[in-house]
Amino acid sequence: MIPVISLIGRSNVGKSSLFNLLTQSRQSLVDKSEKTTRDRNYGYFTIKNTNFCIIDTAGIENFKNKKNIDLIQKESYQQTKKSIKESNFIIFIVDIYTGITKLDYLILKKLRKKNKKILLLINKIDFLKRKDNIIDFYEFGIKDFCLISILHRIGINKTLKKIIYIWNKIKKKEKIKDVKLNEKKNIICKINICLIGKPNVGKSSIINFVSKKNRMITSNIPGTTRDIIKITVKKKNIEYIFTDTAGIKKKNNTKLEKVSYIKLIQEIKKNNIIIMIIDASTGICSQDLSIIGNLIKKGCSFFILVNKWDLIKKNNKKKIQSIMNFRLKFIKNIKILYVSALYKEGFKNLFSYILIVYKETIQEFNPSYLTNIIKKAILQHPIPLGATGKVIRLKYAHLGGKKPIFIIIHGNNTNYIPQTYKKYLMHFLQKELQIPNTPIRLFFKNGDNPYYNNKKKIN
């Protein structure tokens, strides 16, 4: 089994920073402001050939004054309680700069009731001026502790040794054997799927339904999700890795929103498929069209999932569908799925849609096949001469790259091809290659067939 560790503590003591350091990622959002983390964030790291699962949790606040806790705080606390329950042991992080607080004592009291091993990490020792401050932390009565500075990487090696030491103790006591996971051998492929859209369109609700776990905090408050959260679902020897993201706003006013947006853009590049979520109750707005336009520019393979379909009356459903199809006419034949995450309806074809789009991304195209498609497109709709009167000839096409699909077309006077004709060629190629959900980038190059001399040599 893989041991599970939860990072527990007050807000802004360094839990997310330690999570990112151990997992060697930037998965958790880090900021000086309090209550940055909200959802459970899972990551993995290795010490001496032993794999560990680590969970970053929300900072615990206001145990006693429950009346003052808002909905998101309550949900965050529930997520933290779940992570403690599924953990083998706890890393309790405190801040030496602010010292021991009443809340630290309350958190420790709650943790001790769970009867699990606790490793105390006293963070921010780089701020320490007097060594006497450390003595105060002996009041906790925790034998296993380390003095660290996550910012300056002080005491990290000692922490790793302590983690191994505590895990070996737990194994002996509970007679746990290390089991090698053979599941990975049966996995045919891994498909990375990213859910994006405006705030409050139901991305987290969809993730919760697909994973059959209450992993994400859901509320009517826009901007509930902040971190990049990954959840794995295994079906028929295929590993689907779903990524929940923060909602894309028109303007990112705060620093946190700007950082979340930058992380989202970076995450989009890592995924095979993007699922664009649209709110059926509000319809397709200019912001949705802007997001779709950016996906096409980046060459992302995507399809559209219209959520909250239960809010549309039966009499209006066909009308709403026709309006959506009209507004999305610039992306012909793209797959659209109408669902209700609240009532768990319409998800029957979700995984089959994902597989269809994934197959589009891994296809290989022969140069002669691409060239024949271009010739077919010209026969159906000849290239206009334009204002210059130059004769444009397209001679040869071949695949230049994938993710995004990049097709290079060689010919004469290609710099005079009108933009409208380029769009026509792109849509024609998508239709003929049967990849309607995958944008194509075309690059036109003046010159002869680059393979012409090679053919002569062969003959």
Protein backbone atom coordinates (compact mmCIF):
# COMPACT_ATOMS: atom_id res chain seq x y z
CA MET A 1 0.00 0.00 0.00
CA ILE A 2 1.01 3.63 -0.52
CA PRO A 3 1.12 5.49 2.82
CA VAL A 4 -1.06 8.61 2.94
CA ILE A 5 0.02 11.75 4.82
CA SER A 6 -2.14 14.82 5.53
CA LEU A 7 -0.72 18.32 5.99
CA ILE A 8 -2.71 19.97 8.79
CA GLY A 9 -2.43 23.40 10.40
CA ARG A 10 -3.68 26.95 10.56
CA SER A 11 -3.90 29.16 7.48
CA ASN A 12 -0.65 30.54 6.07
CA VAL A 13 1.78 28.28 8.00
CA GLY A 14 3.33 26.80 4.82
CA LYS A 15 1.30 23.66 4.03
CA SER A 16 0.96 24.37 0.29
CA SER A 17 4.63 25.42 0.04
CA LEU A 18 5.72 22.11 1.60
CA PHE A 19 3.31 20.19 -0.67
CA ASN A 20 4.82 21.83 -3.78
CA LEU A 21 8.35 21.20 -2.50
CA LEU A 22 7.81 17.49 -1.76
CA THR A 23 5.86 16.77 -4.97
CA GLN A 24 8.27 18.95 -7.01
CA SER A 25 5.35 20.76 -8.61
CA ARG A 26 3.43 24.02 -8.48
CA GLN A 27 0.11 22.24 -8.12
CA SER A 28 -0.97 24.06 -4.95
CA LEU A 29 -1.61 27.77 -5.03
CA VAL A 30 0.73 29.69 -2.70
CA ASP A 31 -0.01 33.21 -1.45
CA LYS A 32 0.56 35.34 1.67
CA SER A 33 -3.18 35.87 2.09
CA GLU A 34 -5.09 33.49 4.37
CA LYS A 35 -7.53 30.73 3.27
CA THR A 36 -5.87 30.30 -0.15
CA THR A 37 -6.31 26.48 -0.24
CA ARG A 38 -9.86 25.14 -0.16
CA ASP A 39 -10.03 21.65 -1.70
CA ARG A 40 -8.06 18.52 -0.90
CA ASN A 41 -5.05 18.42 -3.21
CA TYR A 42 -3.30 15.06 -3.73
CA GLY A 43 0.32 14.58 -4.78
CA TYR A 44 3.06 11.93 -4.69
CA PHE A 45 6.72 11.86 -3.70
CA THR A 46 9.37 9.17 -3.12
CA ILE A 47 11.86 8.57 -0.29
CA LYS A 48 14.31 5.64 -0.61
CA ASN A 49 12.14 3.75 -3.14
CA THR A 50 9.03 4.21 -0.96
CA ASN A 51 6.16 6.10 -2.56
CA PHE A 52 4.08 8.44 -0.40
CA CYS A 53 0.76 10.15 -1.11
CA ILE A 54 0.49 13.60 0.44
CA ILE A 55 -2.68 15.67 0.86
CA ASP A 56 -2.65 19.45 1.05
CA THR A 57 -5.61 20.75 3.05
CA ALA A 58 -7.32 24.03 3.85
CA GLY A 59 -6.15 26.01 6.87
CA ILE A 60 -8.32 25.25 9.91
CA GLU A 61 -10.05 28.28 11.41
CA ASN A 62 -12.70 29.06 14.06
CA PHE A 63 -13.40 25.72 15.71
CA LYS A 64 -15.68 27.11 18.39
CA ASN A 65 -17.37 30.07 16.67
CA LYS A 66 -19.14 27.92 14.08
CA LYS A 67 -21.83 30.55 13.54
CA ASN A 68 -19.30 32.91 11.96
CA ILE A 69 -18.03 30.30 9.46
CA ASP A 70 -19.26 30.79 5.89
CA LEU A 71 -20.32 27.98 3.50
CA ILE A 72 -16.91 27.61 1.82
CA GLN A 73 -15.12 27.47 5.21
CA LYS A 74 -17.51 24.73 6.38
CA GLU A 75 -16.96 22.72 3.20
CA SER A 76 -13.17 23.22 3.44
CA TYR A 77 -13.21 21.91 7.00
CA GLN A 78 -15.22 18.85 5.91
CA GLN A 79 -12.62 18.18 3.21
CA THR A 80 -9.84 18.44 5.82
CA LYS A 81 -11.66 15.98 8.13
CA LYS A 82 -11.93 13.47 5.26
CA SER A 83 -8.20 13.75 4.53
CA ILE A 84 -7.34 13.10 8.22
CA LYS A 85 -9.60 10.03 8.20
CA GLU A 86 -7.91 8.44 5.18
CA SER A 87 -4.35 9.26 6.31
CA ASN A 88 -1.87 6.85 7.93
CA PHE A 89 -0.27 9.70 9.85
CA ILE A 90 -0.38 13.50 10.14
CA ILE A 91 2.14 16.27 9.55
CA PHE A 92 1.11 19.11 11.85
CA ILE A 93 2.67 22.42 10.73
CA VAL A 94 3.05 25.43 13.00
CA ASP A 95 4.62 28.86 12.57
CA ILE A 96 7.48 29.91 14.87
CA TYR A 97 7.17 33.53 13.70
CA THR A 98 3.69 33.97 15.26
CA GLY A 99 4.33 31.36 17.98
CA ILE A 100 1.80 29.05 19.59
CA THR A 101 -1.82 30.18 19.32
CA LYS A 102 -5.03 28.94 20.97
CA LEU A 103 -6.05 27.59 17.57
CA ASP A 104 -2.90 25.41 17.45
CA TYR A 105 -3.92 23.82 20.74
CA LEU A 106 -7.48 23.26 19.46
CA ILE A 107 -6.22 21.65 16.23
CA LEU A 108 -3.86 19.37 18.17
CA LYS A 109 -6.69 18.37 20.52
CA LYS A 110 -8.80 17.35 17.52
CA LEU A 111 -5.89 15.43 15.94
CA ARG A 112 -5.16 13.45 19.12
CA LYS A 113 -8.73 12.16 19.16
CA LYS A 114 -7.98 10.42 15.84
CA ASN A 115 -5.23 8.38 17.55
CA LYS A 116 -2.75 8.74 14.68
CA LYS A 117 1.01 9.38 14.66
CA ILE A 118 1.85 13.08 14.41
CA LEU A 119 5.01 14.68 13.02
CA LEU A 120 5.35 18.30 14.18
CA LEU A 121 7.04 20.70 11.74
CA ILE A 122 8.00 24.08 13.16
CA ASN A 123 8.24 26.29 10.07
CA LYS A 124 9.80 29.73 9.37
CA ILE A 125 12.84 29.24 11.62
CA ASP A 126 14.70 31.69 9.34
CA PHE A 127 12.72 34.42 11.19
CA LEU A 128 13.96 33.11 14.54
CA LYS A 129 16.10 35.55 16.53
CA ARG A 130 15.95 33.91 19.93
CA LYS A 131 16.30 30.15 20.41
CA ASP A 132 14.16 30.37 23.57
CA ASN A 133 11.05 30.50 21.35
CA ILE A 134 11.53 26.83 20.40
CA ILE A 135 11.07 25.72 24.03
CA ASP A 136 7.43 26.88 23.91
CA PHE A 137 6.64 24.14 21.38
CA TYR A 138 7.69 21.41 23.84
CA GLU A 139 4.33 22.06 25.54
CA PHE A 140 2.67 20.10 22.71
CA GLY A 141 4.28 16.91 24.02
CA ILE A 142 5.08 15.62 20.50
CA LYS A 143 8.30 13.54 20.42
CA ASP A 144 8.78 13.61 16.64
CA PHE A 145 9.41 17.16 15.46
CA CYS A 146 11.66 19.08 13.03
CA LEU A 147 12.72 22.71 12.74
CA ILE A 148 12.36 23.79 9.13
CA SER A 149 12.29 26.70 6.73
CA ILE A 150 10.44 25.73 3.57
CA LEU A 151 11.40 29.04 1.94
CA HIS A 152 15.15 28.49 2.44
CA ARG A 153 15.06 24.64 2.30
CA ILE A 154 16.35 24.26 5.89
CA GLY A 155 15.68 20.97 7.69
CA ILE A 156 14.00 19.26 4.70
CA ASN A 157 16.39 16.24 4.70
CA LYS A 158 15.75 15.67 8.43
CA THR A 159 12.00 15.86 7.73
CA LEU A 160 12.26 13.17 5.03
CA LYS A 161 14.21 10.91 7.42
CA LYS A 162 11.53 11.45 10.09
CA ILE A 163 8.76 10.55 7.62
CA ILE A 164 10.50 7.24 6.78
CA TYR A 165 11.18 6.58 10.48
CA ILE A 166 7.51 7.12 11.45
CA TRP A 167 6.21 5.02 8.54
CA ASN A 168 8.53 2.11 9.46
CA LYS A 169 7.21 2.30 13.05
CA ILE A 170 3.59 2.20 11.83
CA LYS A 171 4.35 -0.77 9.53
CA LYS A 172 5.85 -2.80 12.38
CA LYS A 173 3.02 -1.98 14.77
CA GLU A 174 0.18 -2.67 12.32
CA LYS A 175 2.07 -5.42 10.42
CA ILE A 176 1.64 -3.69 7.07
CA LYS A 177 3.49 -5.11 4.10
CA ASP A 178 4.64 -3.04 1.13
CA VAL A 179 2.65 -4.19 -1.86
CA LYS A 180 3.81 -3.44 -5.39
CA LEU A 181 1.01 -2.02 -7.46
CA ASN A 182 0.42 -4.08 -10.60
CA GLU A 183 -2.43 -1.92 -11.83
CA LYS A 184 -0.14 0.22 -13.99
CA LYS A 185 0.83 -2.80 -16.08
CA ASN A 186 -2.80 -3.26 -17.16
CA ILE A 187 -3.25 0.38 -18.13
CA ILE A 188 -3.41 0.73 -21.95
CA CYS A 189 -3.14 4.53 -21.98
CA LYS A 190 -3.55 7.66 -19.89
CA ILE A 191 -5.84 10.43 -21.12
CA ASN A 192 -5.49 13.88 -19.53
CA ILE A 193 -8.72 15.88 -19.57
CA CYS A 194 -9.04 19.49 -18.41
CA LEU A 195 -12.38 21.13 -17.54
CA ILE A 196 -12.54 24.86 -18.21
CA GLY A 197 -15.21 27.55 -18.33
CA LYS A 198 -16.56 30.62 -16.57
CA PRO A 199 -16.97 30.63 -12.77
CA ASN A 200 -19.99 28.75 -11.35
CA VAL A 201 -20.81 26.66 -14.47
CA GLY A 202 -20.52 23.38 -12.55
CA LYS A 203 -16.98 22.12 -13.24
CA SER A 204 -16.46 20.85 -9.68
CA SER A 205 -19.91 19.21 -9.58
CA ILE A 206 -19.10 17.32 -12.79
CA ILE A 207 -15.73 16.18 -11.36
CA ASN A 208 -17.48 14.95 -8.19
CA PHE A 209 -20.01 12.98 -10.25
CA VAL A 210 -17.44 11.45 -12.62
CA SER A 211 -15.10 10.40 -9.78
CA LYS A 212 -18.05 9.29 -7.57
CA LYS A 213 -16.35 11.10 -4.69
CA ASN A 214 -17.10 14.37 -2.94
CA ARG A 215 -13.59 15.63 -3.65
CA MET A 216 -14.42 19.17 -4.73
CA ILE A 217 -16.13 21.96 -2.82
CA THR A 218 -19.25 23.08 -4.70
CA SER A 219 -21.24 26.24 -4.02
CA ASN A 220 -23.21 28.99 -5.77
CA ILE A 221 -20.40 31.41 -4.98
CA PRO A 222 -18.33 32.15 -8.14
CA GLY A 223 -14.59 31.47 -7.78
CA THR A 224 -14.94 28.64 -5.22
CA THR A 225 -12.20 26.54 -6.87
CA ARG A 226 -8.71 28.05 -6.88
CA ASP A 227 -6.15 25.25 -7.14
CA ILE A 228 -5.49 22.88 -10.03
CA ILE A 229 -7.02 19.62 -8.73
CA LYS A 230 -6.40 16.28 -10.48
CA ILE A 231 -8.62 13.22 -10.06
CA THR A 232 -7.98 9.81 -11.66
CA VAL A 233 -10.78 7.55 -12.90
CA LYS A 234 -9.97 4.04 -14.24
CA LYS A 235 -12.29 2.41 -16.79
CA LYS A 236 -11.59 -0.63 -18.98
CA ASN A 237 -7.78 -0.41 -18.62
CA ILE A 238 -7.78 3.31 -19.45
CA GLU A 239 -6.74 5.93 -16.91
CA TYR A 240 -8.71 9.18 -17.24
CA ILE A 241 -7.01 12.02 -15.37
CA PHE A 242 -9.54 14.84 -14.88
CA THR A 243 -8.30 18.31 -13.95
CA ASP A 244 -10.60 20.82 -12.27
CA THR A 245 -9.61 24.45 -12.74
CA ALA A 246 -10.57 27.90 -11.49
CA GLY A 247 -13.28 29.73 -13.44
CA ILE A 248 -12.03 32.06 -16.18
CA LYS A 249 -13.15 35.63 -15.47
CA LYS A 250 -13.23 38.60 -17.85
CA LYS A 251 -10.87 40.52 -15.57
CA ASN A 252 -8.61 39.04 -12.91
CA ASN A 253 -8.65 41.77 -10.27
CA THR A 254 -6.78 40.13 -7.40
CA LYS A 255 -3.29 38.62 -7.34
CA LEU A 256 -4.75 35.17 -6.53
CA GLU A 257 -7.01 35.32 -9.60
CA LYS A 258 -4.08 36.30 -11.83
CA VAL A 259 -1.91 33.45 -10.50
CA SER A 260 -4.82 30.98 -10.91
CA TYR A 261 -5.26 32.11 -14.53
CA ILE A 262 -1.53 31.71 -15.33
CA LYS A 263 -1.59 28.19 -13.83
CA LEU A 264 -4.69 27.36 -15.88
CA ILE A 265 -2.99 28.41 -19.16
CA GLN A 266 0.03 26.25 -18.26
CA GLU A 267 -2.23 23.30 -17.40
CA ILE A 268 -4.16 23.46 -20.70
CA LYS A 269 -0.93 22.71 -22.61
CA LYS A 270 -0.36 19.49 -20.62
CA ASN A 271 -3.76 17.93 -21.41
CA ASN A 272 -4.86 15.77 -24.35
CA ILE A 273 -8.47 16.99 -24.31
CA ILE A 274 -10.24 20.11 -23.07
CA ILE A 275 -13.90 19.99 -22.03
CA MET A 276 -15.47 23.43 -22.36
CA ILE A 277 -18.33 23.81 -19.84
CA ILE A 278 -21.21 26.17 -20.69
CA ASP A 279 -24.09 27.16 -18.41
CA ALA A 280 -27.38 26.31 -20.18
CA SER A 281 -29.35 28.77 -18.02
CA THR A 282 -27.30 31.78 -19.21
CA GLY A 283 -26.57 30.47 -22.72
CA ILE A 284 -23.45 31.12 -24.76
CA CYS A 285 -22.08 34.57 -23.98
CA SER A 286 -19.16 36.55 -25.44
CA GLN A 287 -16.86 35.24 -22.69
CA ASP A 288 -17.59 31.62 -23.69
CA LEU A 289 -16.89 32.45 -27.34
CA SER A 290 -13.64 34.15 -26.32
CA ILE A 291 -12.50 31.02 -24.41
CA ILE A 292 -13.41 28.78 -27.39
CA GLY A 293 -11.53 31.16 -29.72
CA ASN A 294 -8.41 30.86 -27.54
CA LEU A 295 -8.68 27.04 -27.57
CA ILE A 296 -8.78 27.08 -31.38
CA LYS A 297 -5.76 29.44 -31.52
CA LYS A 298 -3.80 27.12 -29.23
CA GLY A 299 -4.83 24.12 -31.36
CA CYS A 300 -6.45 22.28 -28.43
CA SER A 301 -8.66 19.23 -29.05
CA PHE A 302 -11.94 19.94 -27.26
CA PHE A 303 -15.67 19.36 -27.10
CA ILE A 304 -18.48 21.23 -25.38
CA LEU A 305 -20.48 20.13 -22.37
CA VAL A 306 -23.62 22.17 -21.65
CA ASN A 307 -24.44 21.86 -17.94
CA LYS A 308 -27.58 22.78 -15.93
CA TRP A 309 -29.78 21.41 -18.74
CA ASP A 310 -32.41 20.64 -16.06
CA LEU A 311 -33.09 24.39 -15.72
CA ILE A 312 -34.34 24.58 -19.33
CA LYS A 313 -38.04 23.84 -19.85
CA LYS A 314 -38.90 21.01 -22.26
CA ASN A 315 -40.66 23.44 -24.65
CA ASN A 316 -37.53 25.62 -24.93
CA LYS A 317 -34.86 22.90 -25.28
CA LYS A 318 -34.96 22.68 -29.09
CA LYS A 319 -34.94 26.47 -29.36
CA ILE A 320 -31.91 26.76 -27.03
CA GLN A 321 -30.08 24.04 -29.00
CA SER A 322 -30.68 25.82 -32.32
CA ILE A 323 -29.43 29.14 -30.83
CA MET A 324 -26.29 27.41 -29.53
CA ASN A 325 -25.65 25.72 -32.90
CA PHE A 326 -26.06 29.09 -34.64
CA ARG A 327 -23.60 30.84 -32.31
CA LEU A 328 -21.14 27.95 -32.69
CA LYS A 329 -21.39 27.70 -36.48
CA PHE A 330 -17.72 28.74 -36.78
CA ILE A 331 -16.79 25.33 -35.28
CA LYS A 332 -18.74 22.92 -37.48
CA ASN A 333 -19.58 19.35 -36.40
CA ILE A 334 -18.04 19.74 -32.91
CA LYS A 335 -19.51 17.39 -30.30
CA ILE A 336 -21.91 18.94 -27.78
CA LEU A 337 -23.21 17.05 -24.74
CA TYR A 338 -26.21 18.32 -22.72
CA VAL A 339 -26.05 17.28 -19.04
CA SER A 340 -27.26 18.03 -15.52
CA ALA A 341 -24.57 17.52 -12.86
CA LEU A 342 -27.15 18.18 -10.12
CA TYR A 343 -29.46 15.36 -11.23
CA LYS A 344 -26.66 13.21 -12.73
CA GLU A 345 -28.28 13.10 -16.16
CA GLY A 346 -26.84 13.00 -19.69
CA PHE A 347 -23.39 11.58 -18.84
CA LYS A 348 -23.92 8.27 -20.63
CA ASN A 349 -21.79 9.25 -23.67
CA LEU A 350 -19.15 11.29 -21.81
CA PHE A 351 -16.36 8.67 -21.83
CA SER A 352 -17.15 7.59 -25.41
CA TYR A 353 -16.85 11.28 -26.48
CA ILE A 354 -13.50 11.50 -24.68
CA LEU A 355 -12.23 8.40 -26.50
CA ILE A 356 -13.42 9.71 -29.90
CA VAL A 357 -11.62 13.03 -29.40
CA TYR A 358 -8.50 11.29 -28.01
CA LYS A 359 -8.30 9.08 -31.13
CA GLU A 360 -8.33 12.28 -33.20
CA THR A 361 -5.23 13.55 -31.38
CA ILE A 362 -3.12 10.42 -31.99
CA GLN A 363 -3.88 9.90 -35.69
CA GLU A 364 -1.07 9.82 -38.28
CA PHE A 365 -1.62 11.25 -41.76
CA ASN A 366 0.29 10.15 -44.86
CA PRO A 367 1.72 13.02 -47.03
CA SER A 368 0.17 11.63 -50.24
CA TYR A 369 -3.22 11.33 -48.46
CA LEU A 370 -3.04 14.98 -47.32
CA THR A 371 -2.00 16.11 -50.81
CA ASN A 372 -4.98 14.31 -52.38
CA ILE A 373 -7.35 16.02 -49.89
CA ILE A 374 -5.93 19.44 -50.85
CA LYS A 375 -6.41 18.64 -54.56
CA LYS A 376 -9.98 17.53 -53.84
CA ALA A 377 -10.66 20.79 -51.96
CA ILE A 378 -9.33 22.85 -54.92
CA LEU A 379 -11.51 20.90 -57.39
CA GLN A 380 -14.62 21.61 -55.32
CA HIS A 381 -13.74 25.24 -54.75
CA PRO A 382 -10.87 26.70 -56.88
CA ILE A 383 -8.46 29.22 -55.36
CA PRO A 384 -9.54 32.79 -56.26
CA LEU A 385 -7.00 35.00 -58.04
CA GLY A 386 -7.76 38.00 -55.86
CA ALA A 387 -6.83 41.62 -56.56
CA THR A 388 -3.25 40.76 -57.59
CA GLY A 389 -4.26 38.38 -60.38
CA LYS A 390 -1.45 36.00 -59.41
CA VAL A 391 -1.99 32.32 -60.20
CA ILE A 392 -1.76 30.31 -56.95
CA ARG A 393 -0.87 26.63 -57.10
CA LEU A 394 -0.83 24.22 -54.17
CA LYS A 395 1.39 21.22 -54.98
CA TYR A 396 2.14 19.19 -51.86
CA ALA A 397 1.07 18.81 -48.20
CA HIS A 398 2.56 16.97 -45.24
CA LEU A 399 2.22 16.82 -41.45
CA GLY A 400 4.50 19.30 -39.69
CA GLY A 401 3.65 18.39 -36.09
CA LYS A 402 1.03 17.34 -33.56
CA LYS A 403 -0.55 18.90 -30.47
CA PRO A 404 -1.62 21.07 -32.26
CA ILE A 405 -1.93 19.38 -35.67
CA PHE A 406 0.27 21.39 -37.99
CA ILE A 407 0.01 20.86 -41.78
CA ILE A 408 2.55 22.40 -44.16
CA ILE A 409 1.33 23.08 -47.71
CA HIS A 410 3.91 23.80 -50.46
CA GLY A 411 3.06 25.75 -53.59
CA ASN A 412 3.56 28.93 -55.66
CA ASN A 413 2.43 32.43 -54.61
CA THR A 414 0.97 31.03 -51.38
CA ASN A 415 1.37 34.41 -49.66
CA TYR A 416 -1.55 35.68 -51.80
CA ILE A 417 -4.06 33.08 -50.54
CA PRO A 418 -7.06 34.93 -49.00
CA GLN A 419 -7.80 34.32 -45.33
CA THR A 420 -11.31 33.07 -46.15
CA TYR A 421 -9.83 30.35 -48.39
CA LYS A 422 -7.43 29.28 -45.62
CA LYS A 423 -10.43 28.82 -43.31
CA TYR A 424 -12.20 26.84 -46.03
CA LEU A 425 -9.17 24.53 -46.37
CA MET A 426 -8.97 24.06 -42.59
CA HIS A 427 -12.66 23.06 -42.32
CA PHE A 428 -12.35 20.83 -45.41
CA LEU A 429 -9.35 19.02 -43.91
CA GLN A 430 -11.15 18.59 -40.57
CA LYS A 431 -14.12 17.01 -42.36
CA GLU A 432 -12.06 14.71 -44.62
CA LEU A 433 -9.66 13.66 -41.86
CA GLN A 434 -12.65 13.15 -39.52
CA ILE A 435 -11.21 15.32 -36.75
CA PRO A 436 -14.00 17.92 -36.15
CA ASN A 437 -12.99 18.47 -32.49
CA THR A 438 -9.30 19.12 -33.25
CA PRO A 439 -8.27 22.49 -34.75
CA ILE A 440 -5.71 22.41 -37.58
CA ARG A 441 -2.97 24.97 -38.16
CA LEU A 442 -1.94 25.53 -41.76
CA PHE A 443 1.44 26.84 -42.86
CA PHE A 444 1.91 27.77 -46.53
CA LYS A 445 5.38 27.59 -48.02
CA ASN A 446 6.57 28.79 -51.43
CA GLY A 447 8.79 26.35 -53.33
CA ASP A 448 8.95 22.94 -54.93
CA ASN A 449 8.04 19.57 -53.48
CA PRO A 450 10.79 18.88 -50.87
CA TYR A 451 10.56 15.14 -51.59
CA TYR A 452 10.85 15.49 -55.40
CA ASN A 453 14.66 14.95 -55.56
CA ASN A 454 14.42 11.94 -53.21
CA LYS A 455 11.87 10.37 -55.53
CA LYS A 456 14.23 10.81 -58.51
CA LYS A 457 17.05 9.06 -56.65
CA ILE A 458 14.81 6.14 -55.74
CA ASN A 459 13.68 5.75 -59.37
